[in-house]
Amino acid sequence: MNAKTYTARESEIERRWFVVDATGQTLGRLATQVAHVLEGKHKPTYTPHLDTGDHVIVLNAAKFTVSSDKIDSKSYPRHSGHPQGFKEESLGHLLQRRPEEVLRRAIKGMLPHNRLGTQQLRKLKIYAGSDHPHQAQRPEPLA
């Protein structure tokens, strides 16, 4: 019996491209699904300390759904570092201004909070419309 644990090597990692349509999908459920693929947890060769994930293209990022309560109550705080530099923006306002940013932040929060997570987040492409410049990579729909 072989009791050794399999660990993927950088040369063995194969990256694929997936496309997801966000129309009508719930924000959290969509973000969970995309983060799972970016981390590579859908592959049998998943290795926790390596980036084994795939590229994901999210289309129609402005058309996902959120409960009406969250549009007003959820806020995105930030601080400039200066005195009285605290600013807060509601989900509804950020959705009108930059809908891609809402989805990016939700997915970023589900990835590891270190250099590996930053590397995985680079493989995420989000577009508010339905067209994208990645046709050459031949992305397949994410099930």
N, C-alpha and C. Protein backbone atom coordinates (compact mmCIF):
# COMPACT_ATOMS: atom_id res chain seq x y z
N MET A 1 0.83 -1.18 0.00
CA MET A 1 0.00 0.00 0.00
C MET A 1 0.88 1.25 0.00
N ASN A 2 0.49 2.23 -0.78
CA ASN A 2 1.24 3.48 -0.88
C ASN A 2 0.62 4.50 0.07
N ALA A 3 1.37 4.94 1.07
CA ALA A 3 0.85 5.87 2.08
C ALA A 3 1.36 7.28 1.86
N LYS A 4 1.87 7.58 0.66
CA LYS A 4 2.39 8.92 0.41
C LYS A 4 1.29 9.85 -0.08
N THR A 5 1.35 11.08 0.36
CA THR A 5 0.39 12.09 -0.05
C THR A 5 0.83 12.71 -1.37
N TYR A 6 -0.11 12.85 -2.29
CA TYR A 6 0.19 13.44 -3.59
C TYR A 6 0.29 14.96 -3.46
N THR A 7 1.33 15.53 -4.04
CA THR A 7 1.49 16.98 -4.09
C THR A 7 1.77 17.37 -5.53
N ALA A 8 0.98 18.30 -6.04
CA ALA A 8 1.16 18.74 -7.42
C ALA A 8 2.44 19.58 -7.54
N ARG A 9 3.06 19.51 -8.71
CA ARG A 9 4.22 20.35 -8.99
C ARG A 9 3.78 21.47 -9.93
N GLU A 10 4.53 22.54 -9.97
CA GLU A 10 4.20 23.68 -10.83
C GLU A 10 4.10 23.25 -12.29
N SER A 11 4.95 22.33 -12.72
CA SER A 11 4.94 21.90 -14.12
C SER A 11 3.73 21.03 -14.46
N GLU A 12 3.09 20.44 -13.47
CA GLU A 12 1.96 19.54 -13.71
C GLU A 12 0.62 20.26 -13.73
N ILE A 13 0.60 21.52 -13.34
CA ILE A 13 -0.67 22.25 -13.22
C ILE A 13 -1.17 22.66 -14.60
N GLU A 14 -2.39 22.27 -14.93
CA GLU A 14 -3.02 22.66 -16.18
C GLU A 14 -4.13 23.66 -15.89
N ARG A 15 -4.09 24.79 -16.54
CA ARG A 15 -5.08 25.83 -16.30
C ARG A 15 -6.10 25.86 -17.44
N ARG A 16 -7.36 25.95 -17.05
CA ARG A 16 -8.44 26.07 -18.03
C ARG A 16 -9.14 27.41 -17.80
N TRP A 17 -9.96 27.81 -18.75
CA TRP A 17 -10.72 29.05 -18.66
C TRP A 17 -12.20 28.72 -18.59
N PHE A 18 -12.88 29.36 -17.64
CA PHE A 18 -14.32 29.17 -17.49
C PHE A 18 -15.02 30.52 -17.60
N VAL A 19 -16.25 30.51 -18.08
CA VAL A 19 -17.05 31.73 -18.16
C VAL A 19 -18.34 31.50 -17.38
N VAL A 20 -18.75 32.52 -16.60
CA VAL A 20 -19.95 32.45 -15.77
C VAL A 20 -20.82 33.65 -16.09
N ASP A 21 -22.11 33.42 -16.26
CA ASP A 21 -23.06 34.51 -16.44
C ASP A 21 -23.73 34.79 -15.10
N ALA A 22 -23.57 36.00 -14.59
CA ALA A 22 -24.08 36.36 -13.27
C ALA A 22 -25.53 36.78 -13.27
N THR A 23 -26.19 36.78 -14.41
CA THR A 23 -27.57 37.25 -14.50
C THR A 23 -28.49 36.41 -13.62
N GLY A 24 -29.14 37.07 -12.66
CA GLY A 24 -30.13 36.42 -11.81
C GLY A 24 -29.56 35.58 -10.69
N GLN A 25 -28.24 35.47 -10.56
CA GLN A 25 -27.65 34.65 -9.50
C GLN A 25 -27.46 35.49 -8.24
N THR A 26 -27.52 34.84 -7.09
CA THR A 26 -27.32 35.51 -5.81
C THR A 26 -25.83 35.79 -5.63
N LEU A 27 -25.52 36.95 -5.05
CA LEU A 27 -24.14 37.41 -4.92
C LEU A 27 -23.28 36.41 -4.16
N GLY A 28 -23.68 35.98 -2.99
CA GLY A 28 -22.87 35.09 -2.17
C GLY A 28 -22.68 33.72 -2.79
N ARG A 29 -23.74 33.17 -3.37
CA ARG A 29 -23.63 31.84 -3.98
C ARG A 29 -22.73 31.86 -5.21
N LEU A 30 -22.83 32.92 -5.98
CA LEU A 30 -21.96 33.07 -7.15
C LEU A 30 -20.51 33.23 -6.73
N ALA A 31 -20.27 34.05 -5.70
CA ALA A 31 -18.90 34.28 -5.22
C ALA A 31 -18.29 33.00 -4.68
N THR A 32 -19.07 32.18 -4.00
CA THR A 32 -18.57 30.91 -3.47
C THR A 32 -18.15 29.98 -4.59
N GLN A 33 -18.98 29.91 -5.61
CA GLN A 33 -18.71 29.03 -6.76
C GLN A 33 -17.44 29.46 -7.49
N VAL A 34 -17.29 30.76 -7.70
CA VAL A 34 -16.12 31.28 -8.42
C VAL A 34 -14.85 31.11 -7.58
N ALA A 35 -14.93 31.38 -6.28
CA ALA A 35 -13.76 31.24 -5.40
C ALA A 35 -13.29 29.78 -5.35
N HIS A 36 -14.22 28.86 -5.39
CA HIS A 36 -13.90 27.43 -5.38
C HIS A 36 -13.06 27.05 -6.61
N VAL A 37 -13.42 27.59 -7.76
CA VAL A 37 -12.68 27.30 -9.00
C VAL A 37 -11.34 28.04 -9.03
N LEU A 38 -11.30 29.28 -8.54
CA LEU A 38 -10.04 30.03 -8.52
C LEU A 38 -9.00 29.35 -7.63
N GLU A 39 -9.45 28.74 -6.54
CA GLU A 39 -8.52 28.05 -5.64
C GLU A 39 -8.08 26.70 -6.20
N GLY A 40 -8.88 26.12 -7.08
CA GLY A 40 -8.55 24.82 -7.65
C GLY A 40 -9.12 23.66 -6.87
N LYS A 41 -10.07 23.92 -5.98
CA LYS A 41 -10.63 22.86 -5.14
C LYS A 41 -11.52 21.91 -5.91
N HIS A 42 -11.85 22.23 -7.14
CA HIS A 42 -12.67 21.34 -7.96
C HIS A 42 -11.83 20.27 -8.66
N LYS A 43 -10.52 20.34 -8.52
CA LYS A 43 -9.62 19.40 -9.19
C LYS A 43 -9.13 18.33 -8.21
N PRO A 44 -8.89 17.14 -8.71
CA PRO A 44 -8.33 16.11 -7.83
C PRO A 44 -6.86 16.39 -7.47
N THR A 45 -6.20 17.27 -8.21
CA THR A 45 -4.80 17.61 -7.95
C THR A 45 -4.66 18.83 -7.05
N TYR A 46 -5.71 19.20 -6.30
CA TYR A 46 -5.67 20.37 -5.44
C TYR A 46 -4.57 20.24 -4.40
N THR A 47 -3.77 21.28 -4.29
CA THR A 47 -2.72 21.35 -3.29
C THR A 47 -2.87 22.67 -2.55
N PRO A 48 -3.02 22.65 -1.23
CA PRO A 48 -3.34 23.88 -0.48
C PRO A 48 -2.31 24.99 -0.59
N HIS A 49 -1.02 24.64 -0.71
CA HIS A 49 0.00 25.69 -0.71
C HIS A 49 0.41 26.14 -2.11
N LEU A 50 -0.23 25.60 -3.17
CA LEU A 50 0.06 26.01 -4.54
C LEU A 50 -1.20 26.54 -5.21
N ASP A 51 -1.00 27.39 -6.20
CA ASP A 51 -2.12 27.93 -6.97
C ASP A 51 -2.43 26.96 -8.10
N THR A 52 -3.38 26.05 -7.86
CA THR A 52 -3.74 25.05 -8.86
C THR A 52 -5.04 25.41 -9.57
N GLY A 53 -5.58 26.60 -9.31
CA GLY A 53 -6.88 26.99 -9.83
C GLY A 53 -6.89 27.39 -11.29
N ASP A 54 -8.10 27.63 -11.78
CA ASP A 54 -8.32 28.00 -13.17
C ASP A 54 -8.71 29.47 -13.28
N HIS A 55 -8.72 29.97 -14.51
CA HIS A 55 -9.14 31.33 -14.80
C HIS A 55 -10.67 31.37 -14.89
N VAL A 56 -11.28 32.44 -14.39
CA VAL A 56 -12.74 32.58 -14.43
C VAL A 56 -13.08 33.95 -14.99
N ILE A 57 -14.01 33.98 -15.96
CA ILE A 57 -14.53 35.22 -16.53
C ILE A 57 -15.98 35.33 -16.09
N VAL A 58 -16.32 36.45 -15.45
CA VAL A 58 -17.70 36.67 -15.00
C VAL A 58 -18.31 37.75 -15.88
N LEU A 59 -19.42 37.42 -16.53
CA LEU A 59 -20.11 38.36 -17.41
C LEU A 59 -21.39 38.86 -16.74
N ASN A 60 -21.88 40.00 -17.19
CA ASN A 60 -23.11 40.63 -16.68
C ASN A 60 -23.05 40.80 -15.16
N ALA A 61 -21.94 41.33 -14.68
CA ALA A 61 -21.74 41.50 -13.24
C ALA A 61 -22.72 42.49 -12.62
N ALA A 62 -23.35 43.31 -13.43
CA ALA A 62 -24.30 44.28 -12.90
C ALA A 62 -25.68 43.67 -12.69
N LYS A 63 -25.88 42.40 -13.09
CA LYS A 63 -27.22 41.83 -13.07
C LYS A 63 -27.42 40.73 -12.04
N PHE A 64 -26.52 40.61 -11.04
CA PHE A 64 -26.75 39.62 -10.00
C PHE A 64 -27.77 40.16 -9.00
N THR A 65 -28.32 39.29 -8.17
CA THR A 65 -29.37 39.71 -7.24
C THR A 65 -28.85 39.74 -5.81
N VAL A 66 -29.45 40.64 -5.03
CA VAL A 66 -29.15 40.78 -3.61
C VAL A 66 -30.48 41.07 -2.93
N SER A 67 -30.63 40.66 -1.68
CA SER A 67 -31.88 40.95 -0.97
C SER A 67 -32.02 42.46 -0.78
N SER A 68 -33.25 42.93 -0.74
CA SER A 68 -33.49 44.38 -0.66
C SER A 68 -32.97 44.96 0.65
N ASP A 69 -32.93 44.16 1.70
CA ASP A 69 -32.43 44.64 2.98
C ASP A 69 -30.93 44.93 2.90
N LYS A 70 -30.18 44.07 2.20
CA LYS A 70 -28.73 44.25 2.12
C LYS A 70 -28.33 45.46 1.30
N ILE A 71 -29.15 45.85 0.35
CA ILE A 71 -28.80 47.01 -0.49
C ILE A 71 -28.62 48.26 0.37
N ASP A 72 -29.42 48.38 1.42
CA ASP A 72 -29.31 49.55 2.30
C ASP A 72 -28.39 49.30 3.49
N SER A 73 -28.44 48.09 4.06
CA SER A 73 -27.74 47.85 5.32
C SER A 73 -26.27 47.49 5.16
N LYS A 74 -25.89 46.78 4.10
CA LYS A 74 -24.50 46.38 3.93
C LYS A 74 -23.67 47.58 3.50
N SER A 75 -22.52 47.75 4.16
CA SER A 75 -21.67 48.89 3.84
C SER A 75 -20.24 48.43 3.61
N TYR A 76 -19.52 49.21 2.84
CA TYR A 76 -18.12 48.96 2.54
C TYR A 76 -17.31 50.12 3.13
N PRO A 77 -16.69 49.91 4.30
CA PRO A 77 -15.93 50.99 4.94
C PRO A 77 -14.50 51.07 4.41
N ARG A 78 -13.92 52.25 4.49
CA ARG A 78 -12.51 52.43 4.16
C ARG A 78 -12.00 53.64 4.95
N HIS A 79 -10.69 53.70 5.11
CA HIS A 79 -10.08 54.80 5.87
C HIS A 79 -8.82 55.24 5.15
N SER A 80 -8.69 56.54 4.97
CA SER A 80 -7.55 57.08 4.23
C SER A 80 -6.28 57.11 5.07
N GLY A 81 -6.41 56.99 6.38
CA GLY A 81 -5.25 57.07 7.26
C GLY A 81 -5.08 58.45 7.87
N HIS A 82 -5.79 59.41 7.35
CA HIS A 82 -5.76 60.77 7.90
C HIS A 82 -6.83 60.94 8.96
N PRO A 83 -6.70 61.92 9.85
CA PRO A 83 -7.77 62.17 10.82
C PRO A 83 -9.08 62.48 10.09
N GLN A 84 -10.15 61.92 10.57
CA GLN A 84 -11.49 62.05 9.98
C GLN A 84 -11.52 61.53 8.54
N GLY A 85 -10.70 60.53 8.25
CA GLY A 85 -10.62 59.98 6.90
C GLY A 85 -11.48 58.75 6.69
N PHE A 86 -12.42 58.48 7.61
CA PHE A 86 -13.28 57.31 7.50
C PHE A 86 -14.41 57.60 6.53
N LYS A 87 -14.59 56.72 5.55
CA LYS A 87 -15.70 56.85 4.61
C LYS A 87 -16.41 55.51 4.53
N GLU A 88 -17.71 55.57 4.29
CA GLU A 88 -18.53 54.38 4.22
C GLU A 88 -19.45 54.49 3.01
N GLU A 89 -19.59 53.39 2.29
CA GLU A 89 -20.44 53.39 1.10
C GLU A 89 -21.37 52.19 1.17
N SER A 90 -22.64 52.42 0.87
CA SER A 90 -23.60 51.31 0.93
C SER A 90 -23.48 50.44 -0.31
N LEU A 91 -24.01 49.23 -0.20
CA LEU A 91 -23.97 48.28 -1.32
C LEU A 91 -24.73 48.83 -2.52
N GLY A 92 -25.88 49.48 -2.27
CA GLY A 92 -26.66 50.03 -3.37
C GLY A 92 -25.91 51.09 -4.14
N HIS A 93 -25.20 51.96 -3.42
CA HIS A 93 -24.45 53.03 -4.08
C HIS A 93 -23.28 52.47 -4.87
N LEU A 94 -22.58 51.48 -4.29
CA LEU A 94 -21.44 50.87 -4.99
C LEU A 94 -21.90 50.07 -6.21
N LEU A 95 -23.09 49.48 -6.12
CA LEU A 95 -23.65 48.75 -7.27
C LEU A 95 -23.91 49.68 -8.45
N GLN A 96 -24.40 50.88 -8.17
CA GLN A 96 -24.65 51.84 -9.24
C GLN A 96 -23.34 52.35 -9.83
N ARG A 97 -22.35 52.57 -8.96
CA ARG A 97 -21.10 53.17 -9.39
C ARG A 97 -20.18 52.16 -10.07
N ARG A 98 -19.92 51.03 -9.43
CA ARG A 98 -19.00 50.01 -9.95
C ARG A 98 -19.49 48.62 -9.57
N PRO A 99 -20.37 48.02 -10.36
CA PRO A 99 -20.92 46.71 -9.99
C PRO A 99 -19.87 45.59 -9.99
N GLU A 100 -18.81 45.73 -10.78
CA GLU A 100 -17.77 44.70 -10.81
C GLU A 100 -17.04 44.64 -9.48
N GLU A 101 -16.89 45.81 -8.83
CA GLU A 101 -16.15 45.88 -7.57
C GLU A 101 -16.86 45.13 -6.45
N VAL A 102 -18.19 45.14 -6.44
CA VAL A 102 -18.96 44.42 -5.42
C VAL A 102 -18.65 42.93 -5.51
N LEU A 103 -18.69 42.40 -6.71
CA LEU A 103 -18.43 40.98 -6.93
C LEU A 103 -16.97 40.64 -6.63
N ARG A 104 -16.05 41.50 -7.03
CA ARG A 104 -14.64 41.26 -6.77
C ARG A 104 -14.34 41.20 -5.28
N ARG A 105 -14.94 42.11 -4.51
CA ARG A 105 -14.72 42.12 -3.06
C ARG A 105 -15.31 40.90 -2.38
N ALA A 106 -16.46 40.45 -2.87
CA ALA A 106 -17.09 39.26 -2.29
C ALA A 106 -16.22 38.03 -2.53
N ILE A 107 -15.66 37.91 -3.73
CA ILE A 107 -14.82 36.76 -4.06
C ILE A 107 -13.49 36.86 -3.33
N LYS A 108 -12.94 38.05 -3.23
CA LYS A 108 -11.66 38.25 -2.54
C LYS A 108 -11.75 37.84 -1.08
N GLY A 109 -12.89 38.09 -0.45
CA GLY A 109 -13.07 37.71 0.95
C GLY A 109 -13.13 36.22 1.16
N MET A 110 -13.38 35.44 0.11
CA MET A 110 -13.47 33.99 0.22
C MET A 110 -12.16 33.29 -0.16
N LEU A 111 -11.18 34.04 -0.60
CA LEU A 111 -9.88 33.49 -0.94
C LEU A 111 -8.93 33.64 0.24
N PRO A 112 -7.81 32.91 0.27
CA PRO A 112 -6.85 33.07 1.36
C PRO A 112 -6.34 34.51 1.46
N HIS A 113 -6.13 34.97 2.69
CA HIS A 113 -5.69 36.34 2.91
C HIS A 113 -4.17 36.40 3.02
N ASN A 114 -3.50 36.01 1.94
CA ASN A 114 -2.04 36.05 1.87
C ASN A 114 -1.62 36.19 0.41
N ARG A 115 -0.34 35.97 0.11
CA ARG A 115 0.15 36.13 -1.26
C ARG A 115 -0.48 35.13 -2.22
N LEU A 116 -0.83 33.97 -1.71
CA LEU A 116 -1.46 32.95 -2.56
C LEU A 116 -2.84 33.43 -3.01
N GLY A 117 -3.59 34.05 -2.11
CA GLY A 117 -4.91 34.58 -2.47
C GLY A 117 -4.82 35.71 -3.48
N THR A 118 -3.80 36.53 -3.36
CA THR A 118 -3.59 37.61 -4.32
C THR A 118 -3.29 37.05 -5.70
N GLN A 119 -2.50 35.99 -5.74
CA GLN A 119 -2.16 35.33 -7.00
C GLN A 119 -3.40 34.70 -7.62
N GLN A 120 -4.27 34.12 -6.80
CA GLN A 120 -5.49 33.49 -7.31
C GLN A 120 -6.47 34.54 -7.81
N LEU A 121 -6.53 35.69 -7.16
CA LEU A 121 -7.46 36.75 -7.55
C LEU A 121 -7.09 37.35 -8.91
N ARG A 122 -5.82 37.27 -9.29
CA ARG A 122 -5.38 37.80 -10.59
C ARG A 122 -5.99 37.02 -11.75
N LYS A 123 -6.43 35.80 -11.50
CA LYS A 123 -7.01 34.98 -12.56
C LYS A 123 -8.51 35.24 -12.73
N LEU A 124 -9.04 36.21 -12.01
CA LEU A 124 -10.46 36.55 -12.11
C LEU A 124 -10.63 37.76 -13.02
N LYS A 125 -11.52 37.64 -14.02
CA LYS A 125 -11.83 38.73 -14.93
C LYS A 125 -13.33 39.00 -14.83
N ILE A 126 -13.70 40.24 -14.49
CA ILE A 126 -15.11 40.58 -14.30
C ILE A 126 -15.49 41.69 -15.27
N TYR A 127 -16.63 41.51 -15.95
CA TYR A 127 -17.12 42.50 -16.91
C TYR A 127 -18.60 42.77 -16.63
N ALA A 128 -18.98 44.05 -16.68
CA ALA A 128 -20.36 44.43 -16.42
C ALA A 128 -21.27 44.03 -17.58
N GLY A 129 -20.75 43.98 -18.79
CA GLY A 129 -21.54 43.62 -19.96
C GLY A 129 -21.41 42.13 -20.29
N SER A 130 -21.89 41.79 -21.50
CA SER A 130 -21.89 40.38 -21.89
C SER A 130 -20.77 40.02 -22.86
N ASP A 131 -19.91 40.97 -23.21
CA ASP A 131 -18.80 40.64 -24.11
C ASP A 131 -17.48 40.75 -23.36
N HIS A 132 -16.48 39.96 -23.81
CA HIS A 132 -15.17 39.95 -23.17
C HIS A 132 -14.09 39.71 -24.22
N PRO A 133 -12.85 40.16 -23.94
CA PRO A 133 -11.77 40.03 -24.92
C PRO A 133 -10.98 38.73 -24.80
N HIS A 134 -11.55 37.67 -24.20
CA HIS A 134 -10.81 36.44 -23.96
C HIS A 134 -11.31 35.28 -24.82
N GLN A 135 -11.79 35.57 -26.04
CA GLN A 135 -12.28 34.51 -26.91
C GLN A 135 -11.17 33.57 -27.36
N ALA A 136 -9.94 34.08 -27.44
CA ALA A 136 -8.82 33.27 -27.90
C ALA A 136 -8.50 32.12 -26.93
N GLN A 137 -8.86 32.28 -25.65
CA GLN A 137 -8.60 31.24 -24.67
C GLN A 137 -9.67 30.15 -24.69
N ARG A 138 -10.71 30.34 -25.48
CA ARG A 138 -11.82 29.39 -25.62
C ARG A 138 -12.39 28.97 -24.26
N PRO A 139 -12.98 29.92 -23.52
CA PRO A 139 -13.53 29.55 -22.21
C PRO A 139 -14.78 28.69 -22.35
N GLU A 140 -14.94 27.77 -21.42
CA GLU A 140 -16.11 26.90 -21.41
C GLU A 140 -17.02 27.31 -20.26
N PRO A 141 -18.32 27.10 -20.37
CA PRO A 141 -19.24 27.52 -19.31
C PRO A 141 -19.01 26.70 -18.05
N LEU A 142 -19.08 27.38 -16.93
CA LEU A 142 -18.89 26.73 -15.62
C LEU A 142 -20.22 26.10 -15.20
N ALA A 143 -20.18 24.81 -14.88
CA ALA A 143 -21.41 24.10 -14.52
C ALA A 143 -21.85 24.44 -13.11
